[in-house]
Amino acid sequence: LISFSASVSASEKASRWQDALHLLERAPVHGTVLCNAAASALARAARWRRALHLRQGMARSRVQPDTVSINAAASACEKSSRWMAATALFQSMAADGVEADAISFNAVAASCKGIAPQWRGVLELLAKRRLVAVEPSVVSSNTAISACETAERWLLALQLLQAMADTGVS
């Protein structure tokens, strides 16, 4: 299993997602680490449908997803501008008993940022981070500012910039 995981990781780094999936299919046992390596390859290639399918397959195979599993699928959705799928993944984390981290928030927020009507969702994510003790980062703050810019909410963007300075996010 270790050699399969290493080979899938190497395929991901070489941007060869098809090879990663082929190796995953050939593996005698599927564990979280192996599935995460394949999910990362799919994320790198922005293959969001396949990443979601892999995530669902993990559940069917009784392989427990973790934060990396969800983040990889959310990242694939983000790179494909599939904000609804990314948001659904994010919302499923609690039900799966998986804790969100900074990457989780950033991937979902980034999937929304280029869509003007979704600026509120990005701001809600930023607020939700504080509720679960995940501090805002430069990435998440810039994503929120960018979402406000797309929606032409200039005053709000300036307020977020000031909040970054006030809280020491730099």
C-alpha atoms as a PDB file:
ATOM      1  CA  LEU A   1       0.000   0.000   0.000  1.00  0.00           C
ATOM      2  CA  ILE A   2       2.884   2.367   0.779  1.00  0.00           C
ATOM      3  CA  SER A   3       4.425   1.849  -2.664  1.00  0.00           C
ATOM      4  CA  PHE A   4       1.051   2.474  -4.329  1.00  0.00           C
ATOM      5  CA  SER A   5       0.603   5.695  -2.330  1.00  0.00           C
ATOM      6  CA  ALA A   6       4.099   6.853  -3.260  1.00  0.00           C
ATOM      7  CA  SER A   7       3.484   6.061  -6.928  1.00  0.00           C
ATOM      8  CA  VAL A   8       0.162   7.908  -6.928  1.00  0.00           C
ATOM      9  CA  SER A   9       1.842  10.897  -5.263  1.00  0.00           C
ATOM     10  CA  ALA A  10       4.562  10.860  -7.915  1.00  0.00           C
ATOM     11  CA  SER A  11       1.856  10.801 -10.614  1.00  0.00           C
ATOM     12  CA  GLU A  12       0.222  13.825  -8.998  1.00  0.00           C
ATOM     13  CA  LYS A  13       3.490  15.753  -8.921  1.00  0.00           C
ATOM     14  CA  ALA A  14       4.016  14.913 -12.604  1.00  0.00           C
ATOM     15  CA  SER A  15       0.464  16.119 -13.406  1.00  0.00           C
ATOM     16  CA  ARG A  16      -0.515  12.637 -14.564  1.00  0.00           C
ATOM     17  CA  TRP A  17      -3.933  12.208 -12.961  1.00  0.00           C
ATOM     18  CA  GLN A  18      -4.887   9.331 -15.293  1.00  0.00           C
ATOM     19  CA  ASP A  19      -1.905   7.326 -14.038  1.00  0.00           C
ATOM     20  CA  ALA A  20      -2.868   8.133 -10.446  1.00  0.00           C
ATOM     21  CA  LEU A  21      -6.376   6.747 -10.983  1.00  0.00           C
ATOM     22  CA  HIS A  22      -5.027   3.674 -12.772  1.00  0.00           C
ATOM     23  CA  LEU A  23      -2.752   2.927  -9.818  1.00  0.00           C
ATOM     24  CA  LEU A  24      -5.616   3.498  -7.394  1.00  0.00           C
ATOM     25  CA  GLU A  25      -7.740   0.962  -9.286  1.00  0.00           C
ATOM     26  CA  ARG A  26      -4.908  -1.595  -9.164  1.00  0.00           C
ATOM     27  CA  ALA A  27      -4.224  -1.196  -5.440  1.00  0.00           C
ATOM     28  CA  PRO A  28      -5.250  -4.265  -3.437  1.00  0.00           C
ATOM     29  CA  VAL A  29      -6.523  -2.128  -0.557  1.00  0.00           C
ATOM     30  CA  HIS A  30      -7.716   1.459  -0.484  1.00  0.00           C
ATOM     31  CA  GLY A  31      -6.778   3.551   2.508  1.00  0.00           C
ATOM     32  CA  THR A  32      -7.246   7.215   3.243  1.00  0.00           C
ATOM     33  CA  VAL A  33      -3.663   8.136   2.336  1.00  0.00           C
ATOM     34  CA  LEU A  34      -3.875   6.404  -1.056  1.00  0.00           C
ATOM     35  CA  CYS A  35      -7.242   7.995  -1.862  1.00  0.00           C
ATOM     36  CA  ASN A  36      -5.951  11.399  -0.753  1.00  0.00           C
ATOM     37  CA  ALA A  37      -2.973  11.104  -3.093  1.00  0.00           C
ATOM     38  CA  ALA A  38      -5.327  10.358  -5.991  1.00  0.00           C
ATOM     39  CA  ALA A  39      -7.646  13.192  -4.941  1.00  0.00           C
ATOM     40  CA  SER A  40      -4.690  15.578  -4.910  1.00  0.00           C
ATOM     41  CA  ALA A  41      -3.813  14.527  -8.464  1.00  0.00           C
ATOM     42  CA  LEU A  42      -7.392  15.242  -9.514  1.00  0.00           C
ATOM     43  CA  ALA A  43      -7.321  18.596  -7.737  1.00  0.00           C
ATOM     44  CA  ARG A  44      -4.125  19.603  -9.507  1.00  0.00           C
ATOM     45  CA  ALA A  45      -5.798  18.768 -12.839  1.00  0.00           C
ATOM     46  CA  ALA A  46      -9.082  20.520 -11.872  1.00  0.00           C
ATOM     47  CA  ARG A  47     -11.009  17.269 -12.428  1.00  0.00           C
ATOM     48  CA  TRP A  48     -13.805  18.173 -10.060  1.00  0.00           C
ATOM     49  CA  ARG A  49     -16.329  15.510 -11.142  1.00  0.00           C
ATOM     50  CA  ARG A  50     -13.784  12.744 -10.745  1.00  0.00           C
ATOM     51  CA  ALA A  51     -12.700  14.162  -7.385  1.00  0.00           C
ATOM     52  CA  LEU A  52     -16.305  14.119  -6.163  1.00  0.00           C
ATOM     53  CA  HIS A  53     -16.749  10.596  -7.503  1.00  0.00           C
ATOM     54  CA  LEU A  54     -13.614   9.494  -5.647  1.00  0.00           C
ATOM     55  CA  ARG A  55     -14.902  11.134  -2.459  1.00  0.00           C
ATOM     56  CA  GLN A  56     -18.199   9.248  -2.799  1.00  0.00           C
ATOM     57  CA  GLY A  57     -16.321   6.028  -3.560  1.00  0.00           C
ATOM     58  CA  MET A  58     -14.376   6.412  -0.334  1.00  0.00           C
ATOM     59  CA  ALA A  59     -17.639   6.393   1.614  1.00  0.00           C
ATOM     60  CA  ARG A  60     -18.911   3.332  -0.261  1.00  0.00           C
ATOM     61  CA  SER A  61     -15.623   1.523   0.386  1.00  0.00           C
ATOM     62  CA  ARG A  62     -15.748   2.465   4.065  1.00  0.00           C
ATOM     63  CA  VAL A  63     -12.575   4.526   3.750  1.00  0.00           C
ATOM     64  CA  GLN A  64     -12.853   7.390   6.216  1.00  0.00           C
ATOM     65  CA  PRO A  65     -12.298  10.752   4.527  1.00  0.00           C
ATOM     66  CA  ASP A  66     -10.237  13.298   6.390  1.00  0.00           C
ATOM     67  CA  THR A  67      -9.537  17.000   6.015  1.00  0.00           C
ATOM     68  CA  VAL A  68      -7.102  16.325   3.167  1.00  0.00           C
ATOM     69  CA  SER A  69      -9.743  14.282   1.303  1.00  0.00           C
ATOM     70  CA  ILE A  70     -12.331  17.035   1.438  1.00  0.00           C
ATOM     71  CA  ASN A  71      -9.818  19.807   0.767  1.00  0.00           C
ATOM     72  CA  ALA A  72      -8.523  18.064  -2.350  1.00  0.00           C
ATOM     73  CA  ALA A  73     -12.036  17.660  -3.747  1.00  0.00           C
ATOM     74  CA  ALA A  74     -12.898  21.262  -2.798  1.00  0.00           C
ATOM     75  CA  SER A  75      -9.703  22.462  -4.472  1.00  0.00           C
ATOM     76  CA  ALA A  76     -10.669  20.650  -7.684  1.00  0.00           C
ATOM     77  CA  CYS A  77     -14.068  22.374  -7.499  1.00  0.00           C
ATOM     78  CA  GLU A  78     -12.403  25.723  -6.840  1.00  0.00           C
ATOM     79  CA  LYS A  79     -10.114  25.383  -9.870  1.00  0.00           C
ATOM     80  CA  SER A  80     -13.176  24.612 -11.989  1.00  0.00           C
ATOM     81  CA  SER A  81     -15.259  27.473 -10.508  1.00  0.00           C
ATOM     82  CA  ARG A  82     -17.803  24.985  -9.142  1.00  0.00           C
ATOM     83  CA  TRP A  83     -18.781  26.946  -6.067  1.00  0.00           C
ATOM     84  CA  MET A  84     -21.953  24.966  -5.349  1.00  0.00           C
ATOM     85  CA  ALA A  85     -20.064  21.660  -5.276  1.00  0.00           C
ATOM     86  CA  ALA A  86     -17.298  23.179  -3.134  1.00  0.00           C
ATOM     87  CA  THR A  87     -19.866  24.579  -0.719  1.00  0.00           C
ATOM     88  CA  ALA A  88     -21.674  21.226  -0.493  1.00  0.00           C
ATOM     89  CA  LEU A  89     -18.373  19.505   0.317  1.00  0.00           C
ATOM     90  CA  PHE A  90     -17.621  22.076   2.985  1.00  0.00           C
ATOM     91  CA  GLN A  91     -21.046  21.595   4.538  1.00  0.00           C
ATOM     92  CA  SER A  92     -20.602  17.802   4.531  1.00  0.00           C
ATOM     93  CA  MET A  93     -17.460  18.030   6.646  1.00  0.00           C
ATOM     94  CA  ALA A  94     -19.298  18.288   9.960  1.00  0.00           C
ATOM     95  CA  ALA A  95     -21.571  15.360   9.083  1.00  0.00           C
ATOM     96  CA  ASP A  96     -18.494  13.302   8.194  1.00  0.00           C
ATOM     97  CA  GLY A  97     -16.818  14.229  11.469  1.00  0.00           C
ATOM     98  CA  VAL A  98     -14.059  16.070   9.607  1.00  0.00           C
ATOM     99  CA  GLU A  99     -12.686  19.363  10.911  1.00  0.00           C
ATOM    100  CA  ALA A 100     -12.322  22.258   8.525  1.00  0.00           C
ATOM    101  CA  ASP A 101      -8.984  24.028   8.378  1.00  0.00           C
ATOM    102  CA  ALA A 102      -7.653  27.148   6.666  1.00  0.00           C
ATOM    103  CA  ILE A 103      -7.324  25.300   3.351  1.00  0.00           C
ATOM    104  CA  SER A 104     -10.970  24.197   3.543  1.00  0.00           C
ATOM    105  CA  PHE A 105     -12.181  27.751   3.985  1.00  0.00           C
ATOM    106  CA  ASN A 106      -9.837  29.138   1.347  1.00  0.00           C
ATOM    107  CA  ALA A 107     -10.819  26.603  -1.324  1.00  0.00           C
ATOM    108  CA  VAL A 108     -14.528  27.204  -0.859  1.00  0.00           C
ATOM    109  CA  ALA A 109     -14.140  30.978  -0.691  1.00  0.00           C
ATOM    110  CA  ALA A 110     -11.939  31.002  -3.798  1.00  0.00           C
ATOM    111  CA  SER A 111     -14.538  28.988  -5.714  1.00  0.00           C
ATOM    112  CA  CYS A 112     -17.034  31.797  -5.044  1.00  0.00           C
ATOM    113  CA  LYS A 113     -14.872  34.867  -5.536  1.00  0.00           C
ATOM    114  CA  GLY A 114     -15.315  35.392  -9.283  1.00  0.00           C
ATOM    115  CA  ILE A 115     -19.092  35.216  -9.055  1.00  0.00           C
ATOM    116  CA  ALA A 116     -20.570  38.587  -8.121  1.00  0.00           C
ATOM    117  CA  PRO A 117     -23.712  37.252  -6.389  1.00  0.00           C
ATOM    118  CA  GLN A 118     -21.584  35.055  -4.103  1.00  0.00           C
ATOM    119  CA  TRP A 119     -19.763  37.846  -2.279  1.00  0.00           C
ATOM    120  CA  ARG A 120     -22.016  37.387   0.747  1.00  0.00           C
ATOM    121  CA  GLY A 121     -21.137  33.697   0.899  1.00  0.00           C
ATOM    122  CA  VAL A 122     -17.438  34.516   0.966  1.00  0.00           C
ATOM    123  CA  LEU A 123     -17.978  36.963   3.827  1.00  0.00           C
ATOM    124  CA  GLU A 124     -20.060  34.391   5.707  1.00  0.00           C
ATOM    125  CA  LEU A 125     -17.203  31.908   5.373  1.00  0.00           C
ATOM    126  CA  LEU A 126     -14.779  34.494   6.706  1.00  0.00           C
ATOM    127  CA  ALA A 127     -17.046  35.049   9.721  1.00  0.00           C
ATOM    128  CA  LYS A 128     -17.567  31.303  10.212  1.00  0.00           C
ATOM    129  CA  ARG A 129     -13.793  30.784  10.423  1.00  0.00           C
ATOM    130  CA  ARG A 130     -13.690  32.750  13.625  1.00  0.00           C
ATOM    131  CA  LEU A 131     -16.502  30.652  15.129  1.00  0.00           C
ATOM    132  CA  VAL A 132     -14.485  27.465  14.700  1.00  0.00           C
ATOM    133  CA  ALA A 133     -11.209  29.068  15.799  1.00  0.00           C
ATOM    134  CA  VAL A 134      -9.585  29.070  12.360  1.00  0.00           C
ATOM    135  CA  GLU A 135      -7.932  32.448  12.069  1.00  0.00           C
ATOM    136  CA  PRO A 136      -8.347  34.419   8.856  1.00  0.00           C
ATOM    137  CA  SER A 137      -5.312  34.291   6.620  1.00  0.00           C
ATOM    138  CA  VAL A 138      -3.980  36.615   3.969  1.00  0.00           C
ATOM    139  CA  VAL A 139      -5.400  34.231   1.366  1.00  0.00           C
ATOM    140  CA  SER A 140      -8.915  34.189   2.802  1.00  0.00           C
ATOM    141  CA  SER A 141      -8.914  37.929   3.440  1.00  0.00           C
ATOM    142  CA  ASN A 142      -7.704  38.687  -0.084  1.00  0.00           C
ATOM    143  CA  THR A 143     -10.316  36.307  -1.473  1.00  0.00           C
ATOM    144  CA  ALA A 144     -13.042  38.175   0.422  1.00  0.00           C
ATOM    145  CA  ILE A 145     -11.733  41.531  -0.805  1.00  0.00           C
ATOM    146  CA  SER A 146     -11.624  40.210  -4.360  1.00  0.00           C
ATOM    147  CA  ALA A 147     -15.214  38.951  -4.045  1.00  0.00           C
ATOM    148  CA  CYS A 148     -16.293  42.401  -2.888  1.00  0.00           C
ATOM    149  CA  GLU A 149     -14.441  43.956  -5.809  1.00  0.00           C
ATOM    150  CA  THR A 150     -16.232  41.644  -8.286  1.00  0.00           C
ATOM    151  CA  ALA A 151     -19.558  42.660  -6.761  1.00  0.00           C
ATOM    152  CA  GLU A 152     -18.530  46.343  -6.793  1.00  0.00           C
ATOM    153  CA  ARG A 153     -18.810  46.558  -3.007  1.00  0.00           C
ATOM    154  CA  TRP A 154     -15.890  48.968  -2.688  1.00  0.00           C
ATOM    155  CA  LEU A 155     -16.647  50.264   0.799  1.00  0.00           C
ATOM    156  CA  LEU A 156     -16.882  46.738   2.155  1.00  0.00           C
ATOM    157  CA  ALA A 157     -13.578  45.854   0.466  1.00  0.00           C
ATOM    158  CA  LEU A 158     -11.927  48.817   2.183  1.00  0.00           C
ATOM    159  CA  GLN A 159     -13.438  47.781   5.527  1.00  0.00           C
ATOM    160  CA  LEU A 160     -12.007  44.277   5.099  1.00  0.00           C
ATOM    161  CA  LEU A 161      -8.623  45.751   4.270  1.00  0.00           C
ATOM    162  CA  GLN A 162      -8.778  47.830   7.432  1.00  0.00           C
ATOM    163  CA  ALA A 163      -9.842  44.771   9.450  1.00  0.00           C
ATOM    164  CA  MET A 164      -6.767  42.932   8.141  1.00  0.00           C
ATOM    165  CA  ALA A 165      -4.564  45.753   9.401  1.00  0.00           C
ATOM    166  CA  ASP A 166      -6.391  45.924  12.738  1.00  0.00           C
ATOM    167  CA  THR A 167      -6.040  42.191  13.413  1.00  0.00           C
ATOM    168  CA  GLY A 168      -2.481  41.895  12.163  1.00  0.00           C
ATOM    169  CA  VAL A 169      -3.281  39.739   9.126  1.00  0.00           C
ATOM    170  CA  SER A 170      -0.517  40.477   6.671  1.00  0.00           C
END
